[in-house]
Amino acid sequence: MILYLHGFRSSPKSMKGRVISERMAELGLSDQLVCPQLPASPKLAMELALSLIEGVPAEELSIIGSSLGGYYATWLAERIGCRAVLLNPAIVPLQDLDKHVGVTTQFHSDEPFEFKREYIDELRALAVDPITRPARYFLIAATGDEVLDYRDMVKHYAGARQHVIDGSDHGISEFPEYVDAVLAFCGIEAGR
C-alpha cells in the first residue's frame, strides 16, 4: 500500500498526486494507493493518515510525501517503521510557514484554506532530527527548488538513497520521469 501526502495548501489533484495515481491505475494497482485531502491542522492531518493506514503492516506500507507532505511522511515513517519517498521535503517548516498564518485558498481549487498560528506548535511536535535507519528513505531533491533549500534536505537525509536533480523546481516539473523509480522504491515494479 502507498500513502501519498501532498504539500502545504495542495491536494491530491497536484501534478505529482495525479502522476502517481495515473501510473498506479496503468499498473492495475489503484486499490493500493491512498491519496487523501489533508486538513490544514498538522495534528488532524496525522490523525487522518494514521487512520487510513491502520492495520497495514510496516513492511507492506510506503509513504510518498511532497514538501510539507515529506515532513509528515518522515514523522510517520519513524513512528511506523515503513519506507518513505521524500519529494523536495520541508525540513523545518516552522520558520517558513509563520508568514502563511491566515485564510487563503487551496492551490488546486477555490476552497478556503485557513492556517492557524497554533498549527506551528503542532508542526513542532512532529519534528524528526535525526532520522533513524536511513535505508528506509529515498530523497528526490531539486537544486532549483525556489521554496526550500535542497542542501538542507541532503544533510537531513544523510545516508539515505538520494537523487539530486540539477535544476528543476519545487514542484519537480519532470516528475513523470521519476515516478517508476519512486514506485520501485515502494516495492512496485513498473513491468508487472
N, C-alpha and C. Protein backbone atom coordinates (compact mmCIF):
# COMPACT_ATOMS: atom_id res chain seq x y z
N MET A 1 0.84 -1.18 0.00
CA MET A 1 0.00 0.00 0.00
C MET A 1 0.88 1.24 0.00
N ILE A 2 0.44 2.25 -0.73
CA ILE A 2 1.14 3.53 -0.77
C ILE A 2 0.20 4.62 -0.26
N LEU A 3 0.71 5.44 0.63
CA LEU A 3 0.00 6.62 1.10
C LEU A 3 0.73 7.82 0.52
N TYR A 4 0.02 8.64 -0.26
CA TYR A 4 0.62 9.86 -0.82
C TYR A 4 0.14 11.06 -0.03
N LEU A 5 1.09 11.87 0.44
CA LEU A 5 0.78 13.06 1.22
C LEU A 5 1.24 14.31 0.47
N HIS A 6 0.28 15.14 0.10
CA HIS A 6 0.58 16.36 -0.66
C HIS A 6 1.17 17.43 0.24
N GLY A 7 1.57 18.53 -0.37
CA GLY A 7 2.20 19.62 0.35
C GLY A 7 1.22 20.66 0.87
N PHE A 8 1.78 21.73 1.42
CA PHE A 8 1.03 22.82 2.02
C PHE A 8 0.11 23.48 0.99
N ARG A 9 -1.16 23.63 1.36
CA ARG A 9 -2.21 24.23 0.51
C ARG A 9 -2.46 23.44 -0.78
N SER A 10 -1.91 22.26 -0.89
CA SER A 10 -2.05 21.47 -2.10
C SER A 10 -3.19 20.47 -1.95
N SER A 11 -3.20 19.46 -2.81
CA SER A 11 -4.28 18.48 -2.78
C SER A 11 -3.87 17.24 -3.56
N PRO A 12 -4.69 16.20 -3.52
CA PRO A 12 -4.44 15.03 -4.36
C PRO A 12 -4.47 15.36 -5.85
N LYS A 13 -4.99 16.54 -6.20
CA LYS A 13 -5.05 16.96 -7.61
C LYS A 13 -3.75 17.58 -8.08
N SER A 14 -2.75 17.65 -7.22
CA SER A 14 -1.44 18.21 -7.63
C SER A 14 -0.86 17.36 -8.76
N MET A 15 0.07 17.92 -9.48
CA MET A 15 0.68 17.18 -10.59
C MET A 15 1.26 15.85 -10.13
N LYS A 16 2.02 15.86 -9.04
CA LYS A 16 2.64 14.62 -8.58
C LYS A 16 1.58 13.62 -8.10
N GLY A 17 0.56 14.10 -7.42
CA GLY A 17 -0.53 13.23 -7.00
C GLY A 17 -1.22 12.57 -8.19
N ARG A 18 -1.46 13.36 -9.23
CA ARG A 18 -2.11 12.81 -10.44
C ARG A 18 -1.20 11.82 -11.16
N VAL A 19 0.09 12.14 -11.27
CA VAL A 19 1.02 11.26 -11.96
C VAL A 19 1.09 9.90 -11.25
N ILE A 20 1.20 9.91 -9.94
CA ILE A 20 1.26 8.66 -9.18
C ILE A 20 -0.04 7.89 -9.34
N SER A 21 -1.16 8.57 -9.22
CA SER A 21 -2.47 7.93 -9.35
C SER A 21 -2.64 7.31 -10.73
N GLU A 22 -2.27 8.04 -11.78
CA GLU A 22 -2.40 7.54 -13.14
C GLU A 22 -1.48 6.33 -13.38
N ARG A 23 -0.26 6.39 -12.85
CA ARG A 23 0.66 5.27 -13.05
C ARG A 23 0.19 4.04 -12.30
N MET A 24 -0.33 4.21 -11.10
CA MET A 24 -0.87 3.07 -10.35
C MET A 24 -2.07 2.48 -11.09
N ALA A 25 -2.90 3.32 -11.69
CA ALA A 25 -4.04 2.83 -12.48
C ALA A 25 -3.55 2.03 -13.68
N GLU A 26 -2.52 2.53 -14.38
CA GLU A 26 -1.95 1.81 -15.53
C GLU A 26 -1.45 0.43 -15.13
N LEU A 27 -0.94 0.33 -13.91
CA LEU A 27 -0.42 -0.94 -13.42
C LEU A 27 -1.51 -1.83 -12.81
N GLY A 28 -2.75 -1.33 -12.81
CA GLY A 28 -3.86 -2.09 -12.23
C GLY A 28 -3.81 -2.14 -10.72
N LEU A 29 -3.20 -1.12 -10.11
CA LEU A 29 -3.00 -1.12 -8.66
C LEU A 29 -3.64 0.08 -7.96
N SER A 30 -4.67 0.64 -8.57
CA SER A 30 -5.33 1.81 -7.96
C SER A 30 -5.79 1.54 -6.53
N ASP A 31 -6.18 0.30 -6.27
CA ASP A 31 -6.66 -0.04 -4.94
C ASP A 31 -5.55 -0.05 -3.89
N GLN A 32 -4.29 0.06 -4.33
CA GLN A 32 -3.15 0.06 -3.42
C GLN A 32 -2.64 1.47 -3.10
N LEU A 33 -3.37 2.50 -3.58
CA LEU A 33 -2.97 3.89 -3.37
C LEU A 33 -4.04 4.64 -2.59
N VAL A 34 -3.61 5.33 -1.55
CA VAL A 34 -4.50 6.21 -0.78
C VAL A 34 -3.90 7.60 -0.87
N CYS A 35 -4.72 8.55 -1.31
CA CYS A 35 -4.23 9.90 -1.58
C CYS A 35 -5.25 10.90 -1.01
N PRO A 36 -5.24 11.12 0.31
CA PRO A 36 -6.27 11.94 0.94
C PRO A 36 -6.04 13.45 0.79
N GLN A 37 -7.12 14.18 0.93
CA GLN A 37 -7.02 15.64 1.09
C GLN A 37 -6.71 15.87 2.57
N LEU A 38 -5.56 16.45 2.85
CA LEU A 38 -5.15 16.66 4.23
C LEU A 38 -5.73 17.95 4.78
N PRO A 39 -6.18 17.93 6.03
CA PRO A 39 -6.63 19.16 6.67
C PRO A 39 -5.44 20.08 6.95
N ALA A 40 -5.71 21.34 7.15
CA ALA A 40 -4.65 22.32 7.42
C ALA A 40 -3.94 22.04 8.75
N SER A 41 -4.65 21.52 9.72
CA SER A 41 -4.07 21.21 11.03
C SER A 41 -3.12 20.01 10.89
N PRO A 42 -1.83 20.17 11.23
CA PRO A 42 -0.91 19.04 11.18
C PRO A 42 -1.36 17.89 12.08
N LYS A 43 -1.88 18.21 13.25
CA LYS A 43 -2.35 17.17 14.17
C LYS A 43 -3.48 16.36 13.53
N LEU A 44 -4.45 17.06 12.94
CA LEU A 44 -5.56 16.36 12.29
C LEU A 44 -5.10 15.62 11.04
N ALA A 45 -4.12 16.18 10.32
CA ALA A 45 -3.58 15.51 9.13
C ALA A 45 -2.95 14.18 9.52
N MET A 46 -2.20 14.15 10.63
CA MET A 46 -1.56 12.91 11.05
C MET A 46 -2.56 11.92 11.61
N GLU A 47 -3.59 12.41 12.29
CA GLU A 47 -4.65 11.51 12.76
C GLU A 47 -5.35 10.86 11.57
N LEU A 48 -5.62 11.64 10.53
CA LEU A 48 -6.24 11.09 9.33
C LEU A 48 -5.33 10.06 8.68
N ALA A 49 -4.06 10.40 8.50
CA ALA A 49 -3.12 9.47 7.87
C ALA A 49 -3.03 8.16 8.66
N LEU A 50 -2.91 8.27 9.97
CA LEU A 50 -2.83 7.05 10.80
C LEU A 50 -4.09 6.21 10.68
N SER A 51 -5.25 6.85 10.60
CA SER A 51 -6.50 6.09 10.48
C SER A 51 -6.57 5.37 9.13
N LEU A 52 -6.01 5.97 8.08
CA LEU A 52 -6.07 5.38 6.74
C LEU A 52 -5.13 4.18 6.59
N ILE A 53 -4.08 4.13 7.40
CA ILE A 53 -3.11 3.03 7.28
C ILE A 53 -3.20 2.06 8.45
N GLU A 54 -4.19 2.25 9.29
CA GLU A 54 -4.35 1.38 10.46
C GLU A 54 -4.44 -0.08 10.02
N GLY A 55 -3.64 -0.92 10.66
CA GLY A 55 -3.66 -2.35 10.37
C GLY A 55 -2.78 -2.78 9.21
N VAL A 56 -2.19 -1.84 8.48
CA VAL A 56 -1.28 -2.19 7.38
C VAL A 56 0.10 -2.43 7.98
N PRO A 57 0.66 -3.62 7.78
CA PRO A 57 2.00 -3.89 8.32
C PRO A 57 3.04 -2.95 7.72
N ALA A 58 4.01 -2.55 8.53
CA ALA A 58 5.04 -1.59 8.09
C ALA A 58 5.74 -2.06 6.82
N GLU A 59 5.99 -3.35 6.70
CA GLU A 59 6.71 -3.86 5.53
C GLU A 59 5.86 -3.83 4.25
N GLU A 60 4.57 -3.61 4.39
CA GLU A 60 3.68 -3.52 3.23
C GLU A 60 3.25 -2.09 2.93
N LEU A 61 3.83 -1.13 3.63
CA LEU A 61 3.43 0.27 3.51
C LEU A 61 4.61 1.13 3.06
N SER A 62 4.32 2.02 2.13
CA SER A 62 5.27 3.07 1.75
C SER A 62 4.52 4.39 1.74
N ILE A 63 5.21 5.44 2.15
CA ILE A 63 4.61 6.77 2.15
C ILE A 63 5.42 7.65 1.21
N ILE A 64 4.73 8.35 0.34
CA ILE A 64 5.36 9.32 -0.55
C ILE A 64 4.87 10.69 -0.09
N GLY A 65 5.81 11.57 0.21
CA GLY A 65 5.44 12.90 0.69
C GLY A 65 6.13 13.99 -0.08
N SER A 66 5.37 15.00 -0.47
CA SER A 66 5.90 16.14 -1.20
C SER A 66 5.88 17.38 -0.33
N SER A 67 7.01 18.07 -0.23
CA SER A 67 7.11 19.32 0.50
C SER A 67 6.69 19.12 1.96
N LEU A 68 5.64 19.77 2.44
CA LEU A 68 5.18 19.54 3.81
C LEU A 68 4.76 18.09 4.00
N GLY A 69 4.24 17.48 2.94
CA GLY A 69 3.91 16.05 3.00
C GLY A 69 5.14 15.19 3.26
N GLY A 70 6.32 15.65 2.83
CA GLY A 70 7.56 14.94 3.13
C GLY A 70 7.91 15.02 4.61
N TYR A 71 7.65 16.17 5.21
CA TYR A 71 7.84 16.34 6.66
C TYR A 71 6.94 15.36 7.41
N TYR A 72 5.67 15.29 6.96
CA TYR A 72 4.72 14.35 7.56
C TYR A 72 5.15 12.90 7.34
N ALA A 73 5.59 12.60 6.12
CA ALA A 73 5.99 11.23 5.78
C ALA A 73 7.15 10.78 6.66
N THR A 74 8.06 11.70 6.95
CA THR A 74 9.21 11.36 7.80
C THR A 74 8.74 11.01 9.21
N TRP A 75 7.85 11.82 9.76
CA TRP A 75 7.33 11.53 11.10
C TRP A 75 6.62 10.17 11.12
N LEU A 76 5.81 9.91 10.11
CA LEU A 76 5.09 8.64 10.04
C LEU A 76 6.04 7.46 9.87
N ALA A 77 7.04 7.60 8.99
CA ALA A 77 7.99 6.51 8.77
C ALA A 77 8.77 6.19 10.04
N GLU A 78 9.14 7.21 10.79
CA GLU A 78 9.84 6.98 12.05
C GLU A 78 8.92 6.29 13.06
N ARG A 79 7.68 6.69 13.09
CA ARG A 79 6.72 6.13 14.05
C ARG A 79 6.35 4.69 13.71
N ILE A 80 6.17 4.41 12.40
CA ILE A 80 5.67 3.11 11.96
C ILE A 80 6.79 2.15 11.57
N GLY A 81 7.87 2.70 11.01
CA GLY A 81 8.97 1.85 10.56
C GLY A 81 8.85 1.44 9.10
N CYS A 82 8.09 2.20 8.31
CA CYS A 82 7.89 1.88 6.90
C CYS A 82 8.84 2.69 6.02
N ARG A 83 8.81 2.43 4.72
CA ARG A 83 9.61 3.18 3.75
C ARG A 83 8.94 4.52 3.46
N ALA A 84 9.78 5.49 3.05
CA ALA A 84 9.24 6.80 2.68
C ALA A 84 10.06 7.39 1.54
N VAL A 85 9.34 7.95 0.57
CA VAL A 85 9.95 8.70 -0.52
C VAL A 85 9.63 10.16 -0.27
N LEU A 86 10.66 11.00 -0.33
CA LEU A 86 10.50 12.41 0.01
C LEU A 86 10.83 13.26 -1.21
N LEU A 87 9.87 14.06 -1.64
CA LEU A 87 9.99 14.88 -2.84
C LEU A 87 10.11 16.33 -2.42
N ASN A 88 11.32 16.88 -2.52
CA ASN A 88 11.58 18.25 -2.04
C ASN A 88 10.91 18.49 -0.68
N PRO A 89 11.26 17.67 0.32
CA PRO A 89 10.56 17.76 1.60
C PRO A 89 10.92 19.00 2.42
N ALA A 90 9.95 19.47 3.18
CA ALA A 90 10.20 20.52 4.17
C ALA A 90 11.00 19.88 5.31
N ILE A 91 12.00 20.60 5.78
CA ILE A 91 12.82 20.11 6.89
C ILE A 91 12.45 20.82 8.18
N VAL A 92 12.32 22.13 8.14
CA VAL A 92 11.94 22.94 9.30
C VAL A 92 10.81 23.88 8.86
N PRO A 93 9.60 23.35 8.68
CA PRO A 93 8.52 24.19 8.16
C PRO A 93 8.08 25.29 9.11
N LEU A 94 8.47 25.19 10.38
CA LEU A 94 8.04 26.20 11.35
C LEU A 94 8.47 27.60 10.91
N GLN A 95 9.71 27.71 10.42
CA GLN A 95 10.22 29.02 10.05
C GLN A 95 9.61 29.53 8.75
N ASP A 96 9.22 28.62 7.86
CA ASP A 96 8.69 29.02 6.57
C ASP A 96 7.19 29.31 6.58
N LEU A 97 6.47 28.66 7.48
CA LEU A 97 5.00 28.76 7.43
C LEU A 97 4.41 29.85 8.30
N ASP A 98 5.20 30.45 9.17
CA ASP A 98 4.68 31.51 10.03
C ASP A 98 4.05 32.64 9.20
N LYS A 99 4.64 32.94 8.07
CA LYS A 99 4.12 34.02 7.22
C LYS A 99 2.81 33.65 6.52
N HIS A 100 2.39 32.38 6.62
CA HIS A 100 1.18 31.93 5.95
C HIS A 100 -0.02 31.82 6.89
N VAL A 101 0.14 32.26 8.14
CA VAL A 101 -0.98 32.24 9.08
C VAL A 101 -2.09 33.13 8.54
N GLY A 102 -3.29 32.58 8.49
CA GLY A 102 -4.44 33.33 7.99
C GLY A 102 -5.26 32.49 7.02
N VAL A 103 -6.18 33.13 6.33
CA VAL A 103 -7.08 32.44 5.41
C VAL A 103 -6.68 32.76 3.98
N THR A 104 -6.60 31.72 3.18
CA THR A 104 -6.33 31.85 1.75
C THR A 104 -7.12 30.75 1.05
N THR A 105 -6.69 30.31 -0.11
CA THR A 105 -7.36 29.20 -0.80
C THR A 105 -6.35 28.10 -1.08
N GLN A 106 -6.87 26.92 -1.41
CA GLN A 106 -6.00 25.82 -1.84
C GLN A 106 -5.49 26.13 -3.24
N PHE A 107 -4.38 25.51 -3.59
CA PHE A 107 -3.79 25.75 -4.90
C PHE A 107 -4.63 25.22 -6.06
N HIS A 108 -5.32 24.11 -5.86
CA HIS A 108 -6.00 23.44 -6.97
C HIS A 108 -7.51 23.61 -6.94
N SER A 109 -7.97 24.56 -6.14
CA SER A 109 -9.42 24.83 -6.09
C SER A 109 -9.62 26.20 -5.44
N ASP A 110 -10.86 26.61 -5.36
CA ASP A 110 -11.19 27.85 -4.67
C ASP A 110 -11.60 27.60 -3.22
N GLU A 111 -11.38 26.36 -2.76
CA GLU A 111 -11.73 26.01 -1.38
C GLU A 111 -10.92 26.86 -0.41
N PRO A 112 -11.56 27.37 0.64
CA PRO A 112 -10.80 28.15 1.62
C PRO A 112 -9.79 27.27 2.36
N PHE A 113 -8.70 27.87 2.74
CA PHE A 113 -7.64 27.18 3.47
C PHE A 113 -7.21 28.11 4.60
N GLU A 114 -7.42 27.69 5.84
CA GLU A 114 -7.04 28.51 6.98
C GLU A 114 -5.90 27.84 7.73
N PHE A 115 -4.81 28.55 7.85
CA PHE A 115 -3.66 28.07 8.61
C PHE A 115 -3.57 28.91 9.88
N LYS A 116 -3.80 28.26 11.02
CA LYS A 116 -3.84 28.96 12.31
C LYS A 116 -2.47 28.95 12.99
N ARG A 117 -2.21 29.96 13.80
CA ARG A 117 -0.93 30.06 14.49
C ARG A 117 -0.64 28.83 15.35
N GLU A 118 -1.66 28.23 15.95
CA GLU A 118 -1.42 27.05 16.79
C GLU A 118 -0.91 25.85 15.99
N TYR A 119 -1.10 25.87 14.68
CA TYR A 119 -0.62 24.77 13.84
C TYR A 119 0.91 24.73 13.83
N ILE A 120 1.55 25.84 14.10
CA ILE A 120 3.01 25.86 14.13
C ILE A 120 3.51 25.00 15.29
N ASP A 121 2.83 25.07 16.44
CA ASP A 121 3.18 24.20 17.57
C ASP A 121 2.90 22.73 17.22
N GLU A 122 1.82 22.49 16.48
CA GLU A 122 1.52 21.12 16.05
C GLU A 122 2.63 20.59 15.15
N LEU A 123 3.16 21.44 14.29
CA LEU A 123 4.29 21.04 13.43
C LEU A 123 5.52 20.74 14.26
N ARG A 124 5.78 21.57 15.25
CA ARG A 124 6.94 21.37 16.12
C ARG A 124 6.90 19.98 16.77
N ALA A 125 5.72 19.53 17.13
CA ALA A 125 5.57 18.22 17.77
C ALA A 125 5.90 17.06 16.83
N LEU A 126 5.94 17.33 15.52
CA LEU A 126 6.21 16.28 14.53
C LEU A 126 7.66 16.27 14.05
N ALA A 127 8.50 17.11 14.63
CA ALA A 127 9.89 17.21 14.18
C ALA A 127 10.66 15.91 14.39
N VAL A 128 11.46 15.54 13.42
CA VAL A 128 12.32 14.36 13.49
C VAL A 128 13.75 14.80 13.19
N ASP A 129 14.62 14.68 14.18
CA ASP A 129 16.01 15.04 13.96
C ASP A 129 16.87 14.30 14.97
N PRO A 130 17.66 13.37 14.54
CA PRO A 130 17.88 12.93 13.17
C PRO A 130 16.97 11.76 12.82
N ILE A 131 16.98 11.39 11.53
CA ILE A 131 16.24 10.20 11.12
C ILE A 131 17.00 8.97 11.61
N THR A 132 16.29 7.89 11.78
CA THR A 132 16.92 6.60 12.10
C THR A 132 16.77 5.71 10.86
N ARG A 133 17.59 4.72 10.73
CA ARG A 133 17.54 3.77 9.61
C ARG A 133 17.39 4.48 8.26
N PRO A 134 18.40 5.22 7.83
CA PRO A 134 18.33 5.96 6.57
C PRO A 134 17.97 5.09 5.36
N ALA A 135 18.24 3.80 5.42
CA ALA A 135 17.96 2.91 4.28
C ALA A 135 16.48 2.86 3.93
N ARG A 136 15.62 3.26 4.84
CA ARG A 136 14.18 3.21 4.53
C ARG A 136 13.71 4.47 3.80
N TYR A 137 14.63 5.41 3.53
CA TYR A 137 14.26 6.68 2.88
C TYR A 137 14.86 6.81 1.49
N PHE A 138 14.11 7.47 0.61
CA PHE A 138 14.57 7.84 -0.73
C PHE A 138 14.21 9.31 -0.94
N LEU A 139 15.25 10.14 -1.07
CA LEU A 139 15.07 11.58 -1.24
C LEU A 139 15.26 11.96 -2.70
N ILE A 140 14.32 12.72 -3.23
CA ILE A 140 14.49 13.37 -4.52
C ILE A 140 14.42 14.86 -4.25
N ALA A 141 15.54 15.55 -4.52
CA ALA A 141 15.65 16.98 -4.23
C ALA A 141 16.13 17.71 -5.47
N ALA A 142 15.61 18.90 -5.69
CA ALA A 142 15.98 19.71 -6.85
C ALA A 142 16.81 20.90 -6.42
N THR A 143 17.94 21.09 -7.09
CA THR A 143 18.79 22.24 -6.76
C THR A 143 18.09 23.56 -7.11
N GLY A 144 17.13 23.51 -8.03
CA GLY A 144 16.42 24.72 -8.44
C GLY A 144 15.16 25.00 -7.66
N ASP A 145 14.94 24.26 -6.56
CA ASP A 145 13.76 24.48 -5.72
C ASP A 145 13.73 25.93 -5.27
N GLU A 146 12.69 26.65 -5.65
CA GLU A 146 12.58 28.08 -5.33
C GLU A 146 11.95 28.33 -3.96
N VAL A 147 11.51 27.27 -3.28
CA VAL A 147 10.84 27.41 -1.98
C VAL A 147 11.73 26.93 -0.84
N LEU A 148 12.37 25.79 -1.03
CA LEU A 148 13.18 25.16 0.02
C LEU A 148 14.60 24.92 -0.49
N ASP A 149 15.57 24.87 0.43
CA ASP A 149 16.97 24.67 0.07
C ASP A 149 17.30 23.18 0.03
N TYR A 150 17.66 22.69 -1.15
CA TYR A 150 17.94 21.27 -1.32
C TYR A 150 19.09 20.81 -0.41
N ARG A 151 20.03 21.70 -0.08
CA ARG A 151 21.17 21.32 0.77
C ARG A 151 20.70 20.90 2.16
N ASP A 152 19.65 21.55 2.67
CA ASP A 152 19.08 21.15 3.96
C ASP A 152 18.51 19.74 3.88
N MET A 153 17.89 19.43 2.75
CA MET A 153 17.31 18.10 2.54
C MET A 153 18.40 17.03 2.50
N VAL A 154 19.43 17.29 1.71
CA VAL A 154 20.53 16.34 1.56
C VAL A 154 21.18 16.06 2.91
N LYS A 155 21.39 17.11 3.69
CA LYS A 155 22.00 16.96 5.01
C LYS A 155 21.09 16.19 5.96
N HIS A 156 19.80 16.54 5.97
CA HIS A 156 18.86 15.90 6.89
C HIS A 156 18.71 14.40 6.62
N TYR A 157 18.78 14.02 5.34
CA TYR A 157 18.60 12.61 4.97
C TYR A 157 19.93 11.96 4.61
N ALA A 158 21.00 12.38 5.29
CA ALA A 158 22.33 11.80 5.07
C ALA A 158 22.26 10.28 5.27
N GLY A 159 22.87 9.56 4.34
CA GLY A 159 22.88 8.10 4.43
C GLY A 159 21.72 7.44 3.72
N ALA A 160 20.70 8.22 3.39
CA ALA A 160 19.55 7.68 2.66
C ALA A 160 19.87 7.64 1.17
N ARG A 161 19.11 6.86 0.43
CA ARG A 161 19.22 6.92 -1.02
C ARG A 161 18.80 8.32 -1.45
N GLN A 162 19.60 8.94 -2.31
CA GLN A 162 19.32 10.32 -2.72
C GLN A 162 19.50 10.47 -4.22
N HIS A 163 18.61 11.25 -4.80
CA HIS A 163 18.78 11.67 -6.19
C HIS A 163 18.59 13.18 -6.20
N VAL A 164 19.66 13.89 -6.52
CA VAL A 164 19.61 15.35 -6.59
C VAL A 164 19.50 15.74 -8.05
N ILE A 165 18.43 16.44 -8.38
CA ILE A 165 18.19 16.90 -9.74
C ILE A 165 18.89 18.25 -9.90
N ASP A 166 19.71 18.37 -10.92
CA ASP A 166 20.37 19.63 -11.20
C ASP A 166 19.37 20.55 -11.89
N GLY A 167 18.93 21.57 -11.17
CA GLY A 167 17.91 22.47 -11.71
C GLY A 167 16.53 22.08 -11.21
N SER A 168 15.56 22.06 -12.10
CA SER A 168 14.16 21.76 -11.82
C SER A 168 13.54 22.86 -10.95
N ASP A 169 12.55 22.50 -10.13
CA ASP A 169 11.81 23.46 -9.33
C ASP A 169 11.16 22.76 -8.14
N HIS A 170 10.46 23.51 -7.31
CA HIS A 170 9.85 22.93 -6.12
C HIS A 170 8.86 21.83 -6.47
N GLY A 171 8.11 22.03 -7.54
CA GLY A 171 7.11 21.05 -7.94
C GLY A 171 7.68 19.84 -8.66
N ILE A 172 8.97 19.85 -8.96
CA ILE A 172 9.64 18.80 -9.75
C ILE A 172 8.85 18.57 -11.04
N SER A 173 8.91 19.56 -11.91
CA SER A 173 8.13 19.56 -13.16
C SER A 173 8.30 18.30 -13.98
N GLU A 174 9.48 17.69 -13.93
CA GLU A 174 9.71 16.47 -14.70
C GLU A 174 9.44 15.20 -13.89
N PHE A 175 8.59 15.30 -12.88
CA PHE A 175 8.30 14.15 -12.02
C PHE A 175 7.88 12.89 -12.79
N PRO A 176 7.15 12.99 -13.90
CA PRO A 176 6.81 11.76 -14.63
C PRO A 176 8.04 10.90 -14.98
N GLU A 177 9.20 11.53 -15.14
CA GLU A 177 10.43 10.78 -15.43
C GLU A 177 10.90 9.97 -14.23
N TYR A 178 10.45 10.32 -13.03
CA TYR A 178 10.92 9.67 -11.81
C TYR A 178 9.89 8.74 -11.17
N VAL A 179 8.67 8.75 -11.67
CA VAL A 179 7.60 8.01 -10.99
C VAL A 179 7.90 6.52 -10.89
N ASP A 180 8.47 5.91 -11.93
CA ASP A 180 8.76 4.48 -11.84
C ASP A 180 9.84 4.17 -10.81
N ALA A 181 10.85 5.03 -10.69
CA ALA A 181 11.89 4.85 -9.66
C ALA A 181 11.28 5.00 -8.27
N VAL A 182 10.37 5.94 -8.11
CA VAL A 182 9.68 6.14 -6.83
C VAL A 182 8.87 4.90 -6.47
N LEU A 183 8.10 4.41 -7.43
CA LEU A 183 7.26 3.23 -7.16
C LEU A 183 8.13 1.99 -6.92
N ALA A 184 9.26 1.88 -7.62
CA ALA A 184 10.15 0.74 -7.40
C ALA A 184 10.67 0.75 -5.97
N PHE A 185 11.03 1.92 -5.45
CA PHE A 185 11.49 2.00 -4.06
C PHE A 185 10.37 1.57 -3.12
N CYS A 186 9.14 1.82 -3.52
CA CYS A 186 7.97 1.41 -2.72
C CYS A 186 7.64 -0.07 -2.89
N GLY A 187 8.39 -0.76 -3.73
CA GLY A 187 8.18 -2.20 -3.93
C GLY A 187 7.26 -2.53 -5.09
N ILE A 188 6.99 -1.56 -5.96
CA ILE A 188 6.12 -1.79 -7.10
C ILE A 188 6.93 -1.66 -8.38
N GLU A 189 7.05 -2.75 -9.09
CA GLU A 189 7.81 -2.74 -10.34
C GLU A 189 6.91 -2.38 -11.49
N ALA A 190 7.35 -1.44 -12.32
CA ALA A 190 6.54 -0.96 -13.44
C ALA A 190 6.29 -2.04 -14.48
N GLY A 191 7.14 -3.03 -14.54
CA GLY A 191 6.99 -4.08 -15.55
C GLY A 191 6.06 -5.21 -15.13
N ARG A 192 5.36 -5.04 -14.02
CA ARG A 192 4.46 -6.09 -13.53
C ARG A 192 3.43 -6.47 -14.55
